[in-house]
């Protein structure tokens, strides 16, 4: 299984509209990507703190898609890339970091 992580750095002065992201963008993303048979799930997280109490989080938001293989994710995402990326200005001005991981342990 692989995890595709979309990480939004907590840049000072950056804009991130959680309401739009959770109520509009992510439901659209899930509707489009979850129809692929390799889709395994998704989680969305809001950063609330850093390693030291009171510290700012490194990321304001994170989204993690789970798929059975990278090829499955690409097959699900690629046809909808323009729509999903085109919606980003509606909720943020942050350029996200993308990381692909192989999941070694999940319980």
PDB file of N, CA and C in Angstrom:
ATOM      1  N   UNK A   1       0.848  -1.173   0.000  1.00  0.00           N
ATOM      2  CA  UNK A   1       0.000   0.000   0.000  1.00  0.00           C
ATOM      3  C   UNK A   1       0.892   1.234   0.000  1.00  0.00           C
ATOM      4  N   UNK A   2       0.403   2.308  -0.641  1.00  0.00           N
ATOM      5  CA  UNK A   2       1.140   3.561  -0.631  1.00  0.00           C
ATOM      6  C   UNK A   2       0.273   4.673  -0.063  1.00  0.00           C
ATOM      7  N   UNK A   3       0.945   5.692   0.468  1.00  0.00           N
ATOM      8  CA  UNK A   3       0.281   6.873   0.997  1.00  0.00           C
ATOM      9  C   UNK A   3       0.817   8.081   0.236  1.00  0.00           C
ATOM     10  N   UNK A   4      -0.096   8.865  -0.299  1.00  0.00           N
ATOM     11  CA  UNK A   4       0.262  10.117  -0.954  1.00  0.00           C
ATOM     12  C   UNK A   4      -0.088  11.223   0.017  1.00  0.00           C
ATOM     13  N   UNK A   5       0.914  11.927   0.495  1.00  0.00           N
ATOM     14  CA  UNK A   5       0.720  12.983   1.479  1.00  0.00           C
ATOM     15  C   UNK A   5       0.838  14.340   0.802  1.00  0.00           C
ATOM     16  N   UNK A   6      -0.171  15.172   1.026  1.00  0.00           N
ATOM     17  CA  UNK A   6      -0.188  16.539   0.513  1.00  0.00           C
ATOM     18  C   UNK A   6      -0.088  17.431   1.738  1.00  0.00           C
ATOM     19  N   UNK A   7       1.036  18.097   1.872  1.00  0.00           N
ATOM     20  CA  UNK A   7       1.374  18.844   3.085  1.00  0.00           C
ATOM     21  C   UNK A   7       1.386  20.335   2.781  1.00  0.00           C
ATOM     22  N   UNK A   8       0.643  21.102   3.563  1.00  0.00           N
ATOM     23  CA  UNK A   8       0.550  22.550   3.383  1.00  0.00           C
ATOM     24  C   UNK A   8       1.344  23.234   4.488  1.00  0.00           C
ATOM     25  N   UNK A   9       2.561  23.731   4.175  1.00  0.00           N
ATOM     26  CA  UNK A   9       3.390  24.368   5.202  1.00  0.00           C
ATOM     27  C   UNK A   9       2.686  25.554   5.856  1.00  0.00           C
ATOM     28  N   UNK A  10       2.960  25.738   7.126  1.00  0.00           N
ATOM     29  CA  UNK A  10       2.378  26.826   7.906  1.00  0.00           C
ATOM     30  C   UNK A  10       3.196  28.087   7.691  1.00  0.00           C
ATOM     31  N   UNK A  11       3.036  28.679   6.526  1.00  0.00           N
ATOM     32  CA  UNK A  11       3.768  29.892   6.172  1.00  0.00           C
ATOM     33  C   UNK A  11       3.064  31.110   6.753  1.00  0.00           C
ATOM     34  N   UNK A  12       3.833  31.982   7.380  1.00  0.00           N
ATOM     35  CA  UNK A  12       3.251  33.186   7.968  1.00  0.00           C
ATOM     36  C   UNK A  12       2.553  34.008   6.893  1.00  0.00           C
ATOM     37  N   UNK A  13       1.336  34.420   7.198  1.00  0.00           N
ATOM     38  CA  UNK A  13       0.568  35.245   6.273  1.00  0.00           C
ATOM     39  C   UNK A  13      -0.151  34.468   5.181  1.00  0.00           C
ATOM     40  N   UNK A  14       0.030  33.157   5.153  1.00  0.00           N
ATOM     41  CA  UNK A  14      -0.622  32.337   4.131  1.00  0.00           C
ATOM     42  C   UNK A  14      -2.105  32.179   4.452  1.00  0.00           C
ATOM     43  N   UNK A  15      -2.874  31.878   3.412  1.00  0.00           N
ATOM     44  CA  UNK A  15      -4.319  31.706   3.554  1.00  0.00           C
ATOM     45  C   UNK A  15      -4.687  30.237   3.356  1.00  0.00           C
ATOM     46  N   UNK A  16      -5.506  29.717   4.260  1.00  0.00           N
ATOM     47  CA  UNK A  16      -6.043  28.368   4.122  1.00  0.00           C
ATOM     48  C   UNK A  16      -7.458  28.362   4.692  1.00  0.00           C
ATOM     49  N   UNK A  17      -8.436  28.133   3.827  1.00  0.00           N
ATOM     50  CA  UNK A  17      -9.849  28.144   4.209  1.00  0.00           C
ATOM     51  C   UNK A  17     -10.294  26.703   4.495  1.00  0.00           C
ATOM     52  N   UNK A  18     -10.273  26.330   5.771  1.00  0.00           N
ATOM     53  CA  UNK A  18     -10.623  24.954   6.149  1.00  0.00           C
ATOM     54  C   UNK A  18     -12.067  24.621   5.816  1.00  0.00           C
ATOM     55  N   UNK A  19     -12.942  25.572   5.977  1.00  0.00           N
ATOM     56  CA  UNK A  19     -14.358  25.292   5.686  1.00  0.00           C
ATOM     57  C   UNK A  19     -14.532  24.874   4.230  1.00  0.00           C
ATOM     58  N   UNK A  20     -13.958  25.647   3.323  1.00  0.00           N
ATOM     59  CA  UNK A  20     -14.056  25.304   1.900  1.00  0.00           C
ATOM     60  C   UNK A  20     -13.369  23.965   1.630  1.00  0.00           C
ATOM     61  N   UNK A  21     -12.195  23.781   2.201  1.00  0.00           N
ATOM     62  CA  UNK A  21     -11.413  22.567   1.964  1.00  0.00           C
ATOM     63  C   UNK A  21     -12.182  21.319   2.401  1.00  0.00           C
ATOM     64  N   UNK A  22     -12.760  21.377   3.602  1.00  0.00           N
ATOM     65  CA  UNK A  22     -13.443  20.210   4.171  1.00  0.00           C
ATOM     66  C   UNK A  22     -14.850  20.016   3.574  1.00  0.00           C
ATOM     67  N   UNK A  23     -15.529  21.102   3.282  1.00  0.00           N
ATOM     68  CA  UNK A  23     -16.912  20.994   2.814  1.00  0.00           C
ATOM     69  C   UNK A  23     -17.057  20.917   1.294  1.00  0.00           C
ATOM     70  N   UNK A  24     -16.054  21.402   0.542  1.00  0.00           N
ATOM     71  CA  UNK A  24     -16.195  21.432  -0.917  1.00  0.00           C
ATOM     72  C   UNK A  24     -15.076  20.668  -1.636  1.00  0.00           C
ATOM     73  N   UNK A  25     -13.816  21.076  -1.378  1.00  0.00           N
ATOM     74  CA  UNK A  25     -12.712  20.489  -2.138  1.00  0.00           C
ATOM     75  C   UNK A  25     -12.529  19.002  -1.854  1.00  0.00           C
ATOM     76  N   UNK A  26     -12.457  18.648  -0.593  1.00  0.00           N
ATOM     77  CA  UNK A  26     -12.208  17.235  -0.283  1.00  0.00           C
ATOM     78  C   UNK A  26     -13.373  16.324  -0.669  1.00  0.00           C
ATOM     79  N   UNK A  27     -14.626  16.699  -0.465  1.00  0.00           N
ATOM     80  CA  UNK A  27     -15.697  15.831  -0.975  1.00  0.00           C
ATOM     81  C   UNK A  27     -15.605  15.621  -2.487  1.00  0.00           C
ATOM     82  N   UNK A  28     -15.244  16.683  -3.227  1.00  0.00           N
ATOM     83  CA  UNK A  28     -15.060  16.534  -4.672  1.00  0.00           C
ATOM     84  C   UNK A  28     -13.907  15.575  -4.960  1.00  0.00           C
ATOM     85  N   UNK A  29     -12.784  15.755  -4.265  1.00  0.00           N
ATOM     86  CA  UNK A  29     -11.623  14.877  -4.456  1.00  0.00           C
ATOM     87  C   UNK A  29     -11.976  13.426  -4.169  1.00  0.00           C
ATOM     88  N   UNK A  30     -12.672  13.201  -3.070  1.00  0.00           N
ATOM     89  CA  UNK A  30     -13.048  11.841  -2.685  1.00  0.00           C
ATOM     90  C   UNK A  30     -14.002  11.242  -3.712  1.00  0.00           C
ATOM     91  N   UNK A  31     -14.978  12.027  -4.160  1.00  0.00           N
ATOM     92  CA  UNK A  31     -15.909  11.526  -5.178  1.00  0.00           C
ATOM     93  C   UNK A  31     -15.169  11.102  -6.446  1.00  0.00           C
ATOM     94  N   UNK A  32     -14.188  11.889  -6.854  1.00  0.00           N
ATOM     95  CA  UNK A  32     -13.465  11.600  -8.095  1.00  0.00           C
ATOM     96  C   UNK A  32     -12.482  10.435  -7.957  1.00  0.00           C
ATOM     97  N   UNK A  33     -11.772  10.375  -6.841  1.00  0.00           N
ATOM     98  CA  UNK A  33     -10.708   9.376  -6.700  1.00  0.00           C
ATOM     99  C   UNK A  33     -11.177   8.045  -6.128  1.00  0.00           C
ATOM    100  N   UNK A  34     -12.221   8.069  -5.327  1.00  0.00           N
ATOM    101  CA  UNK A  34     -12.624   6.845  -4.640  1.00  0.00           C
ATOM    102  C   UNK A  34     -13.287   5.815  -5.554  1.00  0.00           C
ATOM    103  N   UNK A  35     -13.645   6.206  -6.752  1.00  0.00           N
ATOM    104  CA  UNK A  35     -14.252   5.235  -7.675  1.00  0.00           C
ATOM    105  C   UNK A  35     -13.214   4.265  -8.237  1.00  0.00           C
ATOM    106  N   UNK A  36     -11.947   4.607  -8.132  1.00  0.00           N
ATOM    107  CA  UNK A  36     -10.891   3.703  -8.617  1.00  0.00           C
ATOM    108  C   UNK A  36     -10.786   2.508  -7.676  1.00  0.00           C
ATOM    109  N   UNK A  37     -10.684   1.303  -8.216  1.00  0.00           N
ATOM    110  CA  UNK A  37     -10.628   0.111  -7.349  1.00  0.00           C
ATOM    111  C   UNK A  37      -9.405   0.051  -6.430  1.00  0.00           C
ATOM    112  N   UNK A  38      -8.355   0.816  -6.729  1.00  0.00           N
ATOM    113  CA  UNK A  38      -7.171   0.815  -5.878  1.00  0.00           C
ATOM    114  C   UNK A  38      -7.250   1.757  -4.697  1.00  0.00           C
ATOM    115  N   UNK A  39      -8.299   2.564  -4.628  1.00  0.00           N
ATOM    116  CA  UNK A  39      -8.491   3.519  -3.536  1.00  0.00           C
ATOM    117  C   UNK A  39      -8.718   2.770  -2.224  1.00  0.00           C
ATOM    118  N   UNK A  40      -8.016   3.192  -1.161  1.00  0.00           N
ATOM    119  CA  UNK A  40      -8.137   2.545   0.143  1.00  0.00           C
ATOM    120  C   UNK A  40      -8.612   3.474   1.247  1.00  0.00           C
ATOM    121  N   UNK A  41      -8.528   4.790   1.025  1.00  0.00           N
ATOM    122  CA  UNK A  41      -9.001   5.709   2.050  1.00  0.00           C
ATOM    123  C   UNK A  41      -8.291   7.049   1.989  1.00  0.00           C
ATOM    124  N   UNK A  42      -8.742   7.955   2.857  1.00  0.00           N
ATOM    125  CA  UNK A  42      -8.168   9.294   2.927  1.00  0.00           C
ATOM    126  C   UNK A  42      -8.340   9.817   4.345  1.00  0.00           C
ATOM    127  N   UNK A  43      -7.423  10.667   4.766  1.00  0.00           N
ATOM    128  CA  UNK A  43      -7.590  11.413   6.012  1.00  0.00           C
ATOM    129  C   UNK A  43      -7.169  12.848   5.763  1.00  0.00           C
ATOM    130  N   UNK A  44      -7.818  13.755   6.478  1.00  0.00           N
ATOM    131  CA  UNK A  44      -7.494  15.176   6.407  1.00  0.00           C
ATOM    132  C   UNK A  44      -7.230  15.632   7.832  1.00  0.00           C
ATOM    133  N   UNK A  45      -6.154  16.382   7.999  1.00  0.00           N
ATOM    134  CA  UNK A  45      -5.744  16.800   9.335  1.00  0.00           C
ATOM    135  C   UNK A  45      -5.452  18.289   9.362  1.00  0.00           C
ATOM    136  N   UNK A  46      -5.768  18.926  10.479  1.00  0.00           N
ATOM    137  CA  UNK A  46      -5.452  20.331  10.701  1.00  0.00           C
ATOM    138  C   UNK A  46      -4.353  20.412  11.750  1.00  0.00           C
ATOM    139  N   UNK A  47      -3.268  21.102  11.427  1.00  0.00           N
ATOM    140  CA  UNK A  47      -2.177  21.267  12.382  1.00  0.00           C
ATOM    141  C   UNK A  47      -2.613  22.114  13.562  1.00  0.00           C
ATOM    142  N   UNK A  48      -2.283  21.649  14.766  1.00  0.00           N
ATOM    143  CA  UNK A  48      -2.672  22.389  15.968  1.00  0.00           C
ATOM    144  C   UNK A  48      -1.484  22.757  16.861  1.00  0.00           C
ATOM    145  N   UNK A  49      -0.312  22.221  16.599  1.00  0.00           N
ATOM    146  CA  UNK A  49       0.837  22.562  17.433  1.00  0.00           C
ATOM    147  C   UNK A  49       2.098  21.871  16.965  1.00  0.00           C
ATOM    148  N   UNK A  50       3.224  22.344  17.492  1.00  0.00           N
ATOM    149  CA  UNK A  50       4.521  21.767  17.170  1.00  0.00           C
ATOM    150  C   UNK A  50       5.012  20.842  18.262  1.00  0.00           C
ATOM    151  N   UNK A  51       6.288  20.517  18.205  1.00  0.00           N
ATOM    152  CA  UNK A  51       6.880  19.565  19.145  1.00  0.00           C
ATOM    153  C   UNK A  51       6.922  20.094  20.573  1.00  0.00           C
ATOM    154  N   UNK A  52       7.031  21.394  20.709  1.00  0.00           N
ATOM    155  CA  UNK A  52       7.089  22.032  22.028  1.00  0.00           C
ATOM    156  C   UNK A  52       5.723  22.657  22.316  1.00  0.00           C
ATOM    157  N   UNK A  53       5.188  22.476  23.507  1.00  0.00           N
ATOM    158  CA  UNK A  53       3.894  23.092  23.810  1.00  0.00           C
ATOM    159  C   UNK A  53       3.883  24.583  23.482  1.00  0.00           C
ATOM    160  N   UNK A  54       2.838  24.989  22.778  1.00  0.00           N
ATOM    161  CA  UNK A  54       2.698  26.388  22.387  1.00  0.00           C
ATOM    162  C   UNK A  54       3.336  26.733  21.057  1.00  0.00           C
ATOM    163  N   UNK A  55       4.120  25.808  20.504  1.00  0.00           N
ATOM    164  CA  UNK A  55       4.779  26.071  19.213  1.00  0.00           C
ATOM    165  C   UNK A  55       3.776  25.925  18.077  1.00  0.00           C
ATOM    166  N   UNK A  56       4.000  26.666  17.022  1.00  0.00           N
ATOM    167  CA  UNK A  56       3.161  26.587  15.833  1.00  0.00           C
ATOM    168  C   UNK A  56       3.398  25.250  15.123  1.00  0.00           C
ATOM    169  N   UNK A  57       2.372  24.700  14.475  1.00  0.00           N
ATOM    170  CA  UNK A  57       2.570  23.466  13.710  1.00  0.00           C
ATOM    171  C   UNK A  57       3.407  23.727  12.462  1.00  0.00           C
ATOM    172  N   UNK A  58       4.153  22.737  12.037  1.00  0.00           N
ATOM    173  CA  UNK A  58       4.948  22.868  10.810  1.00  0.00           C
ATOM    174  C   UNK A  58       4.043  22.949   9.581  1.00  0.00           C
ATOM    175  N   UNK A  59       2.889  22.278   9.657  1.00  0.00           N
ATOM    176  CA  UNK A  59       1.946  22.252   8.541  1.00  0.00           C
ATOM    177  C   UNK A  59       0.578  22.691   9.040  1.00  0.00           C
ATOM    178  N   UNK A  60      -0.061  23.578   8.298  1.00  0.00           N
ATOM    179  CA  UNK A  60      -1.394  24.034   8.663  1.00  0.00           C
ATOM    180  C   UNK A  60      -2.421  22.949   8.361  1.00  0.00           C
ATOM    181  N   UNK A  61      -2.153  22.150   7.322  1.00  0.00           N
ATOM    182  CA  UNK A  61      -3.068  21.076   6.948  1.00  0.00           C
ATOM    183  C   UNK A  61      -2.295  19.969   6.254  1.00  0.00           C
ATOM    184  N   UNK A  62      -2.866  18.765   6.331  1.00  0.00           N
ATOM    185  CA  UNK A  62      -2.311  17.596   5.644  1.00  0.00           C
ATOM    186  C   UNK A  62      -3.461  16.762   5.118  1.00  0.00           C
ATOM    187  N   UNK A  63      -3.238  16.177   3.964  1.00  0.00           N
ATOM    188  CA  UNK A  63      -4.184  15.227   3.395  1.00  0.00           C
ATOM    189  C   UNK A  63      -3.385  13.992   3.016  1.00  0.00           C
ATOM    190  N   UNK A  64      -3.899  12.820   3.364  1.00  0.00           N
ATOM    191  CA  UNK A  64      -3.212  11.567   3.084  1.00  0.00           C
ATOM    192  C   UNK A  64      -4.164  10.619   2.361  1.00  0.00           C
ATOM    193  N   UNK A  65      -3.845  10.327   1.107  1.00  0.00           N
ATOM    194  CA  UNK A  65      -4.612   9.345   0.345  1.00  0.00           C
ATOM    195  C   UNK A  65      -3.911   8.000   0.418  1.00  0.00           C
ATOM    196  N   UNK A  66      -4.676   6.946   0.590  1.00  0.00           N
ATOM    197  CA  UNK A  66      -4.140   5.589   0.569  1.00  0.00           C
ATOM    198  C   UNK A  66      -4.636   4.877  -0.691  1.00  0.00           C
ATOM    199  N   UNK A  67      -3.705   4.258  -1.400  1.00  0.00           N
ATOM    200  CA  UNK A  67      -4.004   3.466  -2.590  1.00  0.00           C
ATOM    201  C   UNK A  67      -3.201   2.179  -2.524  1.00  0.00           C
ATOM    202  N   UNK A  68      -3.639   1.182  -3.270  1.00  0.00           N
ATOM    203  CA  UNK A  68      -2.932  -0.092  -3.252  1.00  0.00           C
ATOM    204  C   UNK A  68      -1.570  -0.011  -3.937  1.00  0.00           C
ATOM    205  N   UNK A  69      -1.406   0.938  -4.875  1.00  0.00           N
ATOM    206  CA  UNK A  69      -0.136   1.100  -5.592  1.00  0.00           C
ATOM    207  C   UNK A  69      -0.077   2.507  -6.176  1.00  0.00           C
ATOM    208  N   UNK A  70       1.112   2.998  -6.444  1.00  0.00           N
ATOM    209  CA  UNK A  70       1.272   4.318  -7.039  1.00  0.00           C
ATOM    210  C   UNK A  70       0.573   4.385  -8.386  1.00  0.00           C
ATOM    211  N   UNK A  71       0.639   3.322  -9.146  1.00  0.00           N
ATOM    212  CA  UNK A  71      -0.006   3.295 -10.461  1.00  0.00           C
ATOM    213  C   UNK A  71      -1.525   3.503 -10.328  1.00  0.00           C
ATOM    214  N   UNK A  72      -2.108   2.964  -9.277  1.00  0.00           N
ATOM    215  CA  UNK A  72      -3.539   3.143  -9.038  1.00  0.00           C
ATOM    216  C   UNK A  72      -3.855   4.605  -8.739  1.00  0.00           C
ATOM    217  N   UNK A  73      -3.040   5.220  -7.887  1.00  0.00           N
ATOM    218  CA  UNK A  73      -3.250   6.640  -7.597  1.00  0.00           C
ATOM    219  C   UNK A  73      -3.152   7.470  -8.863  1.00  0.00           C
ATOM    220  N   UNK A  74      -2.115   7.234  -9.649  1.00  0.00           N
ATOM    221  CA  UNK A  74      -1.933   8.018 -10.871  1.00  0.00           C
ATOM    222  C   UNK A  74      -3.096   7.817 -11.842  1.00  0.00           C
ATOM    223  N   UNK A  75      -3.587   6.592 -11.947  1.00  0.00           N
ATOM    224  CA  UNK A  75      -4.724   6.316 -12.825  1.00  0.00           C
ATOM    225  C   UNK A  75      -5.983   7.024 -12.328  1.00  0.00           C
ATOM    226  N   UNK A  76      -6.147   7.122 -11.020  1.00  0.00           N
ATOM    227  CA  UNK A  76      -7.318   7.788 -10.448  1.00  0.00           C
ATOM    228  C   UNK A  76      -7.191   9.310 -10.538  1.00  0.00           C
ATOM    229  N   UNK A  77      -5.993   9.833 -10.279  1.00  0.00           N
ATOM    230  CA  UNK A  77      -5.783  11.276 -10.158  1.00  0.00           C
ATOM    231  C   UNK A  77      -5.603  11.982 -11.505  1.00  0.00           C
ATOM    232  N   UNK A  78      -4.829  11.420 -12.377  1.00  0.00           N
ATOM    233  CA  UNK A  78      -4.425  12.104 -13.606  1.00  0.00           C
ATOM    234  C   UNK A  78      -5.598  12.647 -14.420  1.00  0.00           C
ATOM    235  N   UNK A  79      -6.682  11.894 -14.628  1.00  0.00           N
ATOM    236  CA  UNK A  79      -7.788  12.445 -15.416  1.00  0.00           C
ATOM    237  C   UNK A  79      -8.462  13.662 -14.771  1.00  0.00           C
ATOM    238  N   UNK A  80      -8.270  13.845 -13.470  1.00  0.00           N
ATOM    239  CA  UNK A  80      -8.933  14.926 -12.730  1.00  0.00           C
ATOM    240  C   UNK A  80      -7.957  15.984 -12.219  1.00  0.00           C
ATOM    241  N   UNK A  81      -6.692  15.876 -12.588  1.00  0.00           N
ATOM    242  CA  UNK A  81      -5.657  16.769 -12.061  1.00  0.00           C
ATOM    243  C   UNK A  81      -5.981  18.243 -12.313  1.00  0.00           C
ATOM    244  N   UNK A  82      -6.399  18.577 -13.511  1.00  0.00           N
ATOM    245  CA  UNK A  82      -6.671  19.984 -13.836  1.00  0.00           C
ATOM    246  C   UNK A  82      -7.805  20.542 -12.973  1.00  0.00           C
ATOM    247  N   UNK A  83      -8.847  19.763 -12.759  1.00  0.00           N
ATOM    248  CA  UNK A  83      -9.980  20.215 -11.946  1.00  0.00           C
ATOM    249  C   UNK A  83      -9.552  20.392 -10.493  1.00  0.00           C
ATOM    250  N   UNK A  84      -8.860  19.403  -9.949  1.00  0.00           N
ATOM    251  CA  UNK A  84      -8.464  19.450  -8.544  1.00  0.00           C
ATOM    252  C   UNK A  84      -7.449  20.560  -8.289  1.00  0.00           C
ATOM    253  N   UNK A  85      -6.457  20.669  -9.148  1.00  0.00           N
ATOM    254  CA  UNK A  85      -5.468  21.729  -8.976  1.00  0.00           C
ATOM    255  C   UNK A  85      -6.077  23.101  -9.246  1.00  0.00           C
ATOM    256  N   UNK A  86      -7.015  23.161 -10.179  1.00  0.00           N
ATOM    257  CA  UNK A  86      -7.669  24.428 -10.486  1.00  0.00           C
ATOM    258  C   UNK A  86      -8.538  24.945  -9.352  1.00  0.00           C
ATOM    259  N   UNK A  87      -8.958  24.060  -8.467  1.00  0.00           N
ATOM    260  CA  UNK A  87      -9.781  24.451  -7.323  1.00  0.00           C
ATOM    261  C   UNK A  87      -8.946  24.987  -6.162  1.00  0.00           C
ATOM    262  N   UNK A  88      -7.662  24.759  -6.182  1.00  0.00           N
ATOM    263  CA  UNK A  88      -6.808  25.147  -5.048  1.00  0.00           C
ATOM    264  C   UNK A  88      -6.882  26.630  -4.686  1.00  0.00           C
ATOM    265  N   UNK A  89      -6.913  27.561  -5.641  1.00  0.00           N
ATOM    266  CA  UNK A  89      -7.004  28.981  -5.247  1.00  0.00           C
ATOM    267  C   UNK A  89      -8.267  29.320  -4.455  1.00  0.00           C
ATOM    268  N   UNK A  90      -9.267  28.452  -4.497  1.00  0.00           N
ATOM    269  CA  UNK A  90     -10.482  28.692  -3.721  1.00  0.00           C
ATOM    270  C   UNK A  90     -10.282  28.472  -2.228  1.00  0.00           C
ATOM    271  N   UNK A  91      -9.223  27.749  -1.850  1.00  0.00           N
ATOM    272  CA  UNK A  91      -9.021  27.505  -0.420  1.00  0.00           C
ATOM    273  C   UNK A  91      -7.636  27.862   0.100  1.00  0.00           C
ATOM    274  N   UNK A  92      -6.647  28.055  -0.779  1.00  0.00           N
ATOM    275  CA  UNK A  92      -5.316  28.373  -0.255  1.00  0.00           C
ATOM    276  C   UNK A  92      -4.444  29.085  -1.275  1.00  0.00           C
ATOM    277  N   UNK A  93      -3.435  29.764  -0.763  1.00  0.00           N
ATOM    278  CA  UNK A  93      -2.386  30.331  -1.607  1.00  0.00           C
ATOM    279  C   UNK A  93      -1.045  29.635  -1.310  1.00  0.00           C
ATOM    280  N   UNK A  94      -1.102  28.541  -0.568  1.00  0.00           N
ATOM    281  CA  UNK A  94       0.092  27.776  -0.204  1.00  0.00           C
ATOM    282  C   UNK A  94       0.407  26.761  -1.299  1.00  0.00           C
ATOM    283  N   UNK A  95       1.683  26.676  -1.662  1.00  0.00           N
ATOM    284  CA  UNK A  95       2.138  25.628  -2.577  1.00  0.00           C
ATOM    285  C   UNK A  95       2.414  24.395  -1.730  1.00  0.00           C
ATOM    286  N   UNK A  96       1.652  23.315  -1.931  1.00  0.00           N
ATOM    287  CA  UNK A  96       1.833  22.140  -1.074  1.00  0.00           C
ATOM    288  C   UNK A  96       3.084  21.339  -1.432  1.00  0.00           C
ATOM    289  N   UNK A  97       3.547  20.600  -0.454  1.00  0.00           N
ATOM    290  CA  UNK A  97       4.606  19.613  -0.658  1.00  0.00           C
ATOM    291  C   UNK A  97       3.913  18.265  -0.829  1.00  0.00           C
ATOM    292  N   UNK A  98       4.389  17.477  -1.769  1.00  0.00           N
ATOM    293  CA  UNK A  98       3.798  16.161  -2.022  1.00  0.00           C
ATOM    294  C   UNK A  98       4.860  15.109  -1.726  1.00  0.00           C
ATOM    295  N   UNK A  99       4.463  14.092  -0.992  1.00  0.00           N
ATOM    296  CA  UNK A  99       5.374  12.974  -0.718  1.00  0.00           C
ATOM    297  C   UNK A  99       4.620  11.672  -0.893  1.00  0.00           C
ATOM    298  N   UNK A 100       5.286  10.715  -1.533  1.00  0.00           N
ATOM    299  CA  UNK A 100       4.738   9.365  -1.705  1.00  0.00           C
ATOM    300  C   UNK A 100       5.524   8.425  -0.825  1.00  0.00           C
ATOM    301  N   UNK A 101       4.805   7.637  -0.016  1.00  0.00           N
ATOM    302  CA  UNK A 101       5.434   6.688   0.898  1.00  0.00           C
ATOM    303  C   UNK A 101       4.867   5.303   0.701  1.00  0.00           C
ATOM    304  N   UNK A 102       5.702   4.307   0.914  1.00  0.00           N
ATOM    305  CA  UNK A 102       5.227   2.937   1.013  1.00  0.00           C
ATOM    306  C   UNK A 102       4.860   2.697   2.465  1.00  0.00           C
ATOM    307  N   UNK A 103       3.647   2.238   2.715  1.00  0.00           N
ATOM    308  CA  UNK A 103       3.188   1.974   4.074  1.00  0.00           C
ATOM    309  C   UNK A 103       3.750   0.622   4.510  1.00  0.00           C
ATOM    310  N   UNK A 104       4.542   0.614   5.560  1.00  0.00           N
ATOM    311  CA  UNK A 104       5.157  -0.612   6.060  1.00  0.00           C
ATOM    312  C   UNK A 104       4.361  -1.239   7.211  1.00  0.00           C
ATOM    313  N   UNK A 105       3.755  -0.381   8.027  1.00  0.00           N
ATOM    314  CA  UNK A 105       2.942  -0.854   9.146  1.00  0.00           C
ATOM    315  C   UNK A 105       1.694   0.007   9.208  1.00  0.00           C
ATOM    316  N   UNK A 106       0.533  -0.618   9.285  1.00  0.00           N
ATOM    317  CA  UNK A 106      -0.736   0.079   9.513  1.00  0.00           C
ATOM    318  C   UNK A 106      -1.606  -0.839  10.359  1.00  0.00           C
ATOM    319  N   UNK A 107      -2.193  -0.305  11.395  1.00  0.00           N
ATOM    320  CA  UNK A 107      -3.025  -1.117  12.288  1.00  0.00           C
ATOM    321  C   UNK A 107      -4.380  -0.489  12.458  1.00  0.00           C
TER     322      UNK A 107
END
